Protein backbone atom coordinates (compact mmCIF):
# COMPACT_ATOMS: atom_id res chain seq x y z
CA MET A 1 -1.76 -23.82 8.12
CA PRO A 2 -2.72 -27.01 6.18
CA ALA A 3 -5.87 -28.54 6.66
CA ALA A 4 -6.13 -31.95 8.51
CA LYS A 5 -7.78 -33.22 5.33
CA LEU A 6 -7.66 -31.56 2.00
CA GLN A 7 -10.81 -31.20 0.00
CA VAL A 8 -10.96 -34.24 -2.56
CA ASP A 9 -10.82 -32.15 -5.71
CA ALA A 10 -8.21 -29.77 -4.50
CA ARG A 11 -5.66 -29.18 -7.19
CA PRO A 12 -2.24 -30.96 -6.62
CA ASP A 13 -0.24 -27.90 -7.48
CA ASN A 14 -2.08 -25.81 -4.91
CA GLY A 15 0.96 -26.04 -2.52
CA GLN A 16 3.20 -24.34 -5.04
CA MET A 17 1.05 -21.32 -5.48
CA ARG A 18 2.15 -17.83 -4.44
CA PRO A 19 0.40 -17.24 -1.18
CA LEU A 20 -2.88 -15.39 -1.30
CA THR A 21 -3.74 -12.67 1.33
CA LEU A 22 -6.84 -12.69 3.34
CA TYR A 23 -7.75 -9.44 5.36
CA GLY A 24 -10.02 -10.24 8.32
CA PHE A 25 -10.02 -10.53 12.16
CA GLU A 26 -10.39 -13.30 14.53
CA GLY A 27 -13.90 -12.73 15.56
CA SER A 28 -15.38 -12.29 12.04
CA VAL A 29 -17.94 -14.98 11.24
CA PHE A 30 -17.55 -13.92 7.55
CA ALA A 31 -13.85 -14.48 7.28
CA HIS A 32 -13.63 -17.90 9.14
CA PRO A 33 -15.21 -19.92 6.43
CA VAL A 34 -12.92 -18.33 3.72
CA ARG A 35 -10.04 -19.41 6.13
CA GLU A 36 -11.30 -22.95 6.24
CA LYS A 37 -11.54 -23.05 2.54
CA LEU A 38 -8.06 -21.71 2.01
CA CYS A 39 -6.88 -24.60 4.31
CA SER A 40 -9.07 -27.26 2.81
CA LEU A 41 -7.71 -26.56 -0.61
CA GLY A 42 -4.12 -26.64 0.65
CA LEU A 43 -3.29 -22.98 -0.53
CA PRO A 44 -0.61 -21.03 1.10
CA HIS A 45 -1.92 -17.75 2.47
CA THR A 46 -1.16 -14.85 4.87
CA LEU A 47 -3.81 -13.59 7.21
CA VAL A 48 -3.80 -9.90 7.77
CA ASN A 49 -5.39 -8.85 11.05
CA CYS A 50 -7.73 -5.97 10.70
CA ALA A 51 -9.09 -5.75 14.05
CA ARG A 52 -10.62 -2.52 15.42
CA GLY A 53 -7.87 0.04 15.93
CA SER A 54 -5.31 -1.73 13.76
CA ALA A 55 -3.31 0.29 10.96
CA ASN A 56 -4.36 -2.66 8.71
CA ARG A 57 -7.89 -1.65 8.91
CA ALA A 58 -7.03 1.82 7.55
CA ALA A 59 -4.76 0.45 5.13
CA LEU A 60 -7.20 -1.84 3.66
CA VAL A 61 -9.88 1.04 3.37
CA ALA A 62 -7.13 2.97 1.52
CA ARG A 63 -6.47 -0.01 -0.88
CA THR A 64 -10.18 -0.61 -1.72
CA GLY A 65 -11.15 2.93 -1.64
CA ARG A 66 -14.59 1.99 0.15
CA GLN A 67 -15.93 1.35 3.33
CA PHE A 68 -14.07 -1.23 5.62
CA GLN A 69 -15.37 -4.80 4.86
CA VAL A 70 -13.92 -8.22 5.56
CA PRO A 71 -13.12 -10.77 4.42
CA PHE A 72 -11.05 -9.28 1.48
CA LEU A 73 -8.89 -11.50 -0.58
CA VAL A 74 -6.00 -10.80 -2.82
CA ASP A 75 -4.83 -13.53 -5.13
CA PRO A 76 -1.41 -12.80 -6.72
CA ASN A 77 -1.80 -16.04 -8.94
CA THR A 78 -4.62 -14.41 -10.88
CA GLY A 79 -4.84 -10.83 -10.15
CA VAL A 80 -8.10 -11.13 -8.49
CA GLU A 81 -9.12 -8.91 -5.55
CA MET A 82 -12.49 -9.38 -3.94
CA SER A 83 -14.74 -9.30 -1.02
CA GLU A 84 -17.90 -11.22 0.20
CA SER A 85 -17.40 -14.51 1.91
CA VAL A 86 -19.75 -16.61 -0.31
CA ASP A 87 -18.28 -14.92 -3.54
CA ILE A 88 -14.61 -15.82 -2.38
CA ARG A 89 -15.33 -19.34 -1.48
CA ILE A 90 -17.16 -19.90 -4.96
CA TYR A 91 -14.12 -18.27 -6.73
CA LEU A 92 -11.71 -20.36 -4.63
CA ASP A 93 -13.56 -23.56 -5.71
CA ARG A 94 -13.72 -22.36 -9.32
CA VAL A 95 -10.10 -21.66 -9.51
CA TYR A 96 -8.34 -24.13 -7.06
CA THR A 97 -10.12 -27.36 -7.71
CA THR A 98 -9.74 -29.89 -10.41
CA SER A 99 -13.58 -30.03 -10.92
CA GLY A 100 -14.22 -26.25 -10.72
CA TYR A 101 -17.44 -27.41 -8.76
CA THR A 102 -18.80 -25.35 -5.97
CA PRO A 103 -21.11 -27.05 -3.29
CA LEU A 104 -22.81 -23.87 -2.31
CA ARG A 105 -26.36 -24.47 -1.98
CA GLY A 106 -29.47 -22.70 -0.49
CA GLY A 107 -27.36 -20.37 1.69
CA SER A 108 -25.44 -22.80 3.40
CA TYR A 109 -22.12 -24.27 2.50
CA HIS A 110 -21.31 -28.12 2.64
CA TYR A 111 -18.17 -30.06 1.73
CA GLY A 112 -18.88 -33.13 -0.64
């Protein structure tokens, strides 16, 4: 789902990238900011619902080989697979913006 307004330094070719995959679930306060970042950068992506009781949850644990944790991002454009909401957002800014600048400051996240 494209954002109403793209981040000003989003790369112009982001829409042509292979879709990224984000594992999470609707109520996750950690996955939500990553979803917003993907949209603000205009990146095609697929959301994999890992709600409690979902077969996707077990598949994610099998894939990562560790305890269940979301969000988890798979980027087929770079081969990167990672977790931790803040780390993912920093990664997305560094790879998918023209400036490489990440506005993460003091534990809060601001656009601009």
